[in-house]
Amino acid sequence: MIVLAWAAAGACLAGAVALLVRRQRDAVVLPLADGRSFAAAARRSWAVWVGLAAVLVVLLLVFTVRARAQGTERRLLQPGVDAVVVIDLSSSTRSASKGIAHALSTLTSDPKRRLGLIVFSNGAYEALPPSTPADGLKGWLDRFADGAPKTYPWTSFSNGTAISKGLVLARRIVRRDHVISPHVILVSDLADTESDLEKLQTAIAQYQREAIDLKIVKVNRRGPTAPFVPDSTFVERAASATVEATGSAGSGSSTVVLAALVAALGLLVALHELAFHPFAWRART
């Protein structure tokens, strides 16, 4: 869908450029006694082109920023590096299923990687051991990618939030399996309960003492939910990297909208050339 949208946008822009080149090549020169009387029309014509060009530049800048953000997330782990993924399934992340799916898709794109999986809400459970091949998470990816509230499979599990329990269990598993150079990736909106903050600070301190690399994929959520951690900055400061889950709610559709805007711009340029057929002129010296 996204590829087709961008292909259509490119075709519209290419058609507009082709019309412009053709007009310049086949331009007819008309001698006029008073060319200066068209000065106002010339300014309007240039204003249209400058406005369309400015819109195009803005859209391309937005696309570039999005592409760079996605590239940053892909570099969250170097190729071949293993990790334990800790996913927040509390009620505050129910609207962020697509963002979680995007994070899993990024992490499982390397078939040589091994990934453990822990899920937590107000309790934490080991879903997959650290020795699991990346393909072992594909089933989880599919369930999150669905994202429909009616098919949300963890409704009974998704209650309160205790981020510390997810991180503590990840640390315990890393020590149990004697993982060398451990990496833990927390996928969460970082919303926690007030009563868990002290335990979370203790867990973060243990990670720092034991040189466990903590990275964060921060997912976005929609709708009225529990408030964010009063001081969640200490979690992000302790992490070696924090990235936004670019596949969070609305990102896929926003890419299509961006392509549609570029296509609309191309159609406007083509309409400007075909329907209005503006004149081009210059003073003879």
Protein backbone atom coordinates (compact mmCIF):
# COMPACT_ATOMS: atom_id res chain seq x y z
CA MET A 1 0.00 0.00 0.00
CA ILE A 2 2.72 2.48 0.99
CA VAL A 3 4.89 1.52 -2.00
CA LEU A 4 1.96 2.06 -4.38
CA ALA A 5 1.19 5.42 -2.80
CA TRP A 6 4.75 6.65 -3.27
CA ALA A 7 4.84 5.25 -6.82
CA ALA A 8 1.70 7.25 -7.65
CA ALA A 9 3.18 10.35 -6.05
CA GLY A 10 6.38 9.98 -8.07
CA ALA A 11 4.40 9.49 -11.28
CA CYS A 12 2.40 12.68 -10.65
CA LEU A 13 5.52 14.73 -10.02
CA ALA A 14 7.31 13.22 -13.02
CA GLY A 15 4.33 14.06 -15.22
CA ALA A 16 4.29 17.65 -13.99
CA VAL A 17 8.01 18.07 -14.67
CA ALA A 18 7.59 16.55 -18.15
CA LEU A 19 4.82 19.05 -18.95
CA LEU A 20 7.01 21.92 -17.77
CA VAL A 21 9.96 20.80 -19.89
CA ARG A 22 7.70 20.36 -22.92
CA ARG A 23 6.21 23.82 -22.49
CA GLN A 24 9.63 25.39 -22.30
CA ARG A 25 10.80 23.51 -25.39
CA ASP A 26 7.72 24.27 -27.51
CA ALA A 27 7.26 27.83 -26.27
CA VAL A 28 5.92 30.29 -28.87
CA VAL A 29 7.39 33.79 -28.88
CA LEU A 30 4.83 36.56 -29.27
CA PRO A 31 6.00 40.12 -29.87
CA LEU A 32 4.17 42.54 -27.57
CA ALA A 33 4.19 46.30 -27.61
CA ASP A 34 3.68 46.60 -23.85
CA GLY A 35 5.07 43.53 -22.06
CA ARG A 36 5.25 45.44 -18.78
CA SER A 37 1.47 45.28 -18.42
CA PHE A 38 1.85 41.55 -17.63
CA ALA A 39 4.11 42.19 -14.63
CA ALA A 40 1.34 41.45 -12.09
CA ALA A 41 0.47 38.18 -13.84
CA ALA A 42 4.15 37.23 -13.84
CA ARG A 43 4.38 37.77 -10.11
CA ARG A 44 1.29 35.62 -9.53
CA SER A 45 2.72 32.85 -11.70
CA TRP A 46 6.01 32.88 -9.81
CA ALA A 47 4.14 32.90 -6.49
CA VAL A 48 2.31 29.73 -7.50
CA TRP A 49 5.54 27.95 -8.41
CA VAL A 50 7.40 29.14 -5.32
CA GLY A 51 4.49 28.04 -3.10
CA LEU A 52 4.32 24.59 -4.67
CA ALA A 53 8.10 24.19 -4.44
CA ALA A 54 8.06 25.20 -0.75
CA VAL A 55 5.36 22.66 0.04
CA LEU A 56 7.34 19.97 -1.76
CA VAL A 57 10.50 20.82 0.19
CA VAL A 58 8.59 20.63 3.50
CA LEU A 59 7.10 17.24 2.60
CA LEU A 60 10.49 15.87 1.59
CA LEU A 61 12.02 17.13 4.85
CA VAL A 62 9.29 15.36 6.83
CA PHE A 63 9.94 12.17 4.89
CA THR A 64 13.70 12.47 5.51
CA VAL A 65 13.20 12.94 9.26
CA ARG A 66 10.93 9.89 9.40
CA ALA A 67 13.42 7.80 7.42
CA ARG A 68 16.26 8.83 9.74
CA ALA A 69 14.15 7.98 12.80
CA GLN A 70 13.49 4.51 11.42
CA GLY A 71 17.19 4.11 10.64
CA THR A 72 18.04 5.02 14.24
CA GLU A 73 15.72 2.32 15.54
CA ARG A 74 17.26 -0.27 13.21
CA ARG A 75 20.64 0.50 14.79
CA LEU A 76 19.34 -0.14 18.30
CA LEU A 77 21.32 -3.41 18.24
CA GLN A 78 24.31 -4.20 16.07
CA PRO A 79 23.93 -7.19 13.70
CA GLY A 80 24.26 -10.52 15.47
CA VAL A 81 23.90 -9.05 18.98
CA ASP A 82 21.51 -10.95 21.27
CA ALA A 83 19.15 -9.43 23.83
CA VAL A 84 16.32 -10.00 26.27
CA VAL A 85 13.19 -8.09 25.26
CA VAL A 86 10.92 -6.86 28.08
CA ILE A 87 7.47 -5.87 26.84
CA ASP A 88 4.99 -3.76 28.80
CA LEU A 89 1.50 -5.32 28.51
CA SER A 90 -0.16 -3.07 31.09
CA SER A 91 -3.47 -1.41 30.27
CA SER A 92 -1.77 1.85 29.31
CA THR A 93 -0.10 0.20 26.30
CA ARG A 94 -3.18 -1.47 24.79
CA SER A 95 -3.43 1.30 22.20
CA ALA A 96 0.27 0.91 21.33
CA SER A 97 0.10 -2.63 19.89
CA LYS A 98 1.31 -1.52 16.46
CA GLY A 99 4.26 0.30 18.01
CA ILE A 100 5.22 -2.86 19.91
CA ALA A 101 4.83 -4.86 16.69
CA HIS A 102 7.15 -2.46 14.90
CA ALA A 103 9.78 -2.82 17.63
CA LEU A 104 9.59 -6.63 17.41
CA SER A 105 9.77 -6.49 13.62
CA THR A 106 12.96 -4.44 13.84
CA LEU A 107 14.56 -6.74 16.40
CA THR A 108 13.65 -9.97 14.57
CA SER A 109 14.89 -8.74 11.18
CA ASP A 110 18.31 -10.29 11.90
CA PRO A 111 17.91 -14.10 11.63
CA LYS A 112 21.24 -14.68 13.40
CA ARG A 113 20.06 -12.94 16.54
CA ARG A 114 18.75 -14.74 19.65
CA LEU A 115 16.13 -13.06 21.77
CA GLY A 116 14.62 -13.81 25.13
CA LEU A 117 11.15 -12.46 25.87
CA ILE A 118 9.58 -11.24 29.10
CA VAL A 119 6.10 -9.77 29.38
CA PHE A 120 4.89 -7.82 32.38
CA SER A 121 1.99 -5.86 33.76
CA ASN A 122 1.72 -5.88 37.56
CA GLY A 123 3.54 -9.21 37.37
CA ALA A 124 6.28 -10.52 35.07
CA TYR A 125 6.60 -13.80 33.18
CA GLU A 126 9.30 -15.41 31.06
CA ALA A 127 7.73 -16.15 27.66
CA LEU A 128 10.90 -17.25 25.83
CA PRO A 129 14.44 -18.03 27.08
CA PRO A 130 17.43 -15.96 25.86
CA SER A 131 18.54 -18.79 23.55
CA THR A 132 15.43 -18.47 21.35
CA PRO A 133 16.18 -17.74 17.64
CA ALA A 134 14.73 -14.45 16.39
CA ASP A 135 12.13 -16.33 14.32
CA GLY A 136 10.63 -17.61 17.58
CA LEU A 137 9.18 -14.13 18.20
CA LYS A 138 7.37 -13.94 14.85
CA GLY A 139 4.18 -15.38 16.35
CA TRP A 140 4.15 -12.65 18.99
CA LEU A 141 4.80 -10.07 16.28
CA ASP A 142 1.73 -11.16 14.34
CA ARG A 143 -0.55 -10.86 17.38
CA PHE A 144 0.65 -7.34 18.14
CA ALA A 145 0.49 -6.30 14.48
CA ASP A 146 -3.23 -7.12 14.43
CA GLY A 147 -3.77 -4.41 17.03
CA ALA A 148 -7.58 -4.75 17.08
CA PRO A 149 -9.03 -4.23 20.60
CA LYS A 150 -11.49 -7.11 20.13
CA THR A 151 -8.67 -9.57 19.43
CA TYR A 152 -6.24 -8.23 22.05
CA PRO A 153 -5.03 -11.53 23.54
CA TRP A 154 -3.74 -10.28 26.90
CA THR A 155 -6.81 -8.52 28.28
CA SER A 156 -6.95 -10.67 31.42
CA PHE A 157 -3.20 -10.23 31.97
CA SER A 158 -3.14 -6.50 31.22
CA ASN A 159 -3.85 -4.70 34.50
CA GLY A 160 -1.60 -2.46 36.59
CA THR A 161 2.02 -1.58 35.91
CA ALA A 162 5.22 -2.59 37.68
CA ILE A 163 8.16 -1.94 35.36
CA SER A 164 10.59 -3.01 38.06
CA LYS A 165 9.25 -6.60 37.98
CA GLY A 166 9.96 -6.91 34.27
CA LEU A 167 13.52 -5.59 34.66
CA VAL A 168 14.22 -7.66 37.78
CA LEU A 169 13.12 -10.86 36.03
CA ALA A 170 15.27 -10.00 32.99
CA ARG A 171 18.29 -9.52 35.27
CA ARG A 172 17.57 -12.83 37.02
CA ILE A 173 17.40 -14.68 33.68
CA VAL A 174 20.61 -13.06 32.45
CA ARG A 175 22.41 -14.25 35.58
CA ARG A 176 20.77 -17.70 35.45
CA ASP A 177 21.88 -18.33 31.85
CA HIS A 178 25.32 -16.72 32.36
CA VAL A 179 24.77 -14.33 29.45
CA ILE A 180 27.98 -12.58 28.42
CA SER A 181 27.66 -8.84 27.64
CA PRO A 182 23.91 -8.83 28.35
CA HIS A 183 21.54 -6.43 26.59
CA VAL A 184 18.01 -5.78 27.85
CA ILE A 185 15.50 -3.89 25.70
CA LEU A 186 12.51 -2.40 27.50
CA VAL A 187 9.50 -1.78 25.24
CA SER A 188 7.18 0.47 27.23
CA ASP A 189 5.45 3.83 27.46
CA LEU A 190 7.33 4.28 30.80
CA ALA A 191 4.08 4.86 32.68
CA ASP A 192 4.42 3.27 36.12
CA THR A 193 2.58 3.27 39.43
CA GLU A 194 3.76 5.51 42.24
CA SER A 195 4.35 2.55 44.55
CA ASP A 196 6.77 0.94 42.07
CA LEU A 197 9.12 3.91 41.65
CA GLU A 198 11.48 3.04 44.50
CA LYS A 199 11.78 -0.58 43.31
CA LEU A 200 12.36 0.66 39.78
CA GLN A 201 15.21 2.90 40.94
CA THR A 202 16.76 -0.06 42.76
CA ALA A 203 16.49 -2.23 39.62
CA ILE A 204 18.12 0.49 37.51
CA ALA A 205 20.97 0.79 40.03
CA GLN A 206 21.56 -2.99 39.87
CA TYR A 207 21.78 -2.81 36.08
CA GLN A 208 24.41 -0.09 36.32
CA ARG A 209 26.46 -1.98 38.93
CA GLU A 210 26.42 -5.21 36.93
CA ALA A 211 27.05 -3.53 33.54
CA ILE A 212 23.78 -4.78 32.04
CA ASP A 213 23.12 -2.67 28.97
CA LEU A 214 19.59 -1.24 29.08
CA LYS A 215 17.96 0.16 25.95
CA ILE A 216 14.45 1.58 25.67
CA VAL A 217 11.94 1.51 22.84
CA LYS A 218 9.36 4.07 23.88
CA VAL A 219 5.87 3.44 22.51
CA ASN A 220 3.16 6.06 22.24
CA ARG A 221 -0.34 5.56 23.56
CA ARG A 222 -3.73 7.15 22.93
CA GLY A 223 -6.70 7.95 25.11
CA PRO A 224 -7.02 8.69 28.85
CA THR A 225 -4.77 6.35 30.80
CA ALA A 226 -2.74 6.34 34.00
CA PRO A 227 -0.34 9.28 34.35
CA PHE A 228 3.30 8.94 33.39
CA VAL A 229 5.97 8.28 35.96
CA PRO A 230 6.41 11.55 37.92
CA ASP A 231 10.13 11.43 37.14
CA SER A 232 10.63 8.94 34.32
CA THR A 233 13.78 10.72 33.20
CA PHE A 234 15.92 8.60 35.53
CA VAL A 235 14.95 5.50 33.52
CA GLU A 236 15.95 7.10 30.23
CA ARG A 237 19.15 8.54 31.69
CA ALA A 238 20.21 5.05 32.75
CA ALA A 239 19.59 3.63 29.26
CA SER A 240 22.38 3.58 26.70
CA ALA A 241 19.82 4.38 23.99
CA THR A 242 16.19 5.47 23.83
CA VAL A 243 14.25 5.47 20.58
CA GLU A 244 10.64 6.09 19.66
CA ALA A 245 8.71 3.16 18.22
CA THR A 246 8.10 4.68 14.80
CA GLY A 247 5.38 2.16 14.15
CA SER A 248 3.24 3.46 17.00
CA ALA A 249 -0.38 4.33 16.44
CA GLY A 250 -0.91 6.24 13.24
CA SER A 251 2.63 6.05 11.79
CA GLY A 252 1.74 3.72 8.95
CA SER A 253 -1.27 5.78 7.97
CA SER A 254 0.71 9.01 8.26
CA THR A 255 3.20 7.70 5.71
CA VAL A 256 0.36 7.07 3.27
CA VAL A 257 -0.99 10.56 3.97
CA LEU A 258 2.45 12.02 3.28
CA ALA A 259 2.60 10.20 -0.06
CA ALA A 260 -0.92 11.38 -0.88
CA LEU A 261 0.09 14.98 -0.21
CA VAL A 262 3.06 14.65 -2.58
CA ALA A 263 0.73 13.15 -5.21
CA ALA A 264 -1.73 16.00 -4.72
CA LEU A 265 1.10 18.48 -5.17
CA GLY A 266 2.04 16.82 -8.45
CA LEU A 267 -1.58 16.98 -9.62
CA LEU A 268 -1.77 20.67 -8.75
CA VAL A 269 1.34 21.37 -10.80
CA ALA A 270 -0.06 19.38 -13.73
CA LEU A 271 -3.40 21.21 -13.44
CA HIS A 272 -1.58 24.52 -13.38
CA GLU A 273 0.19 23.62 -16.61
CA LEU A 274 -2.77 22.05 -18.47
CA ALA A 275 -5.83 24.02 -17.39
CA PHE A 276 -4.38 27.49 -16.92
CA HIS A 277 -1.48 27.12 -19.37
CA PRO A 278 0.45 30.09 -17.96
CA PHE A 279 2.52 32.22 -20.30
CA ALA A 280 6.25 32.70 -19.83
CA TRP A 281 7.99 35.78 -21.12
CA ARG A 282 11.06 37.91 -20.74
CA ALA A 283 12.05 41.35 -21.87
CA ARG A 284 14.14 41.58 -25.04
CA THR A 285 17.48 43.27 -24.51
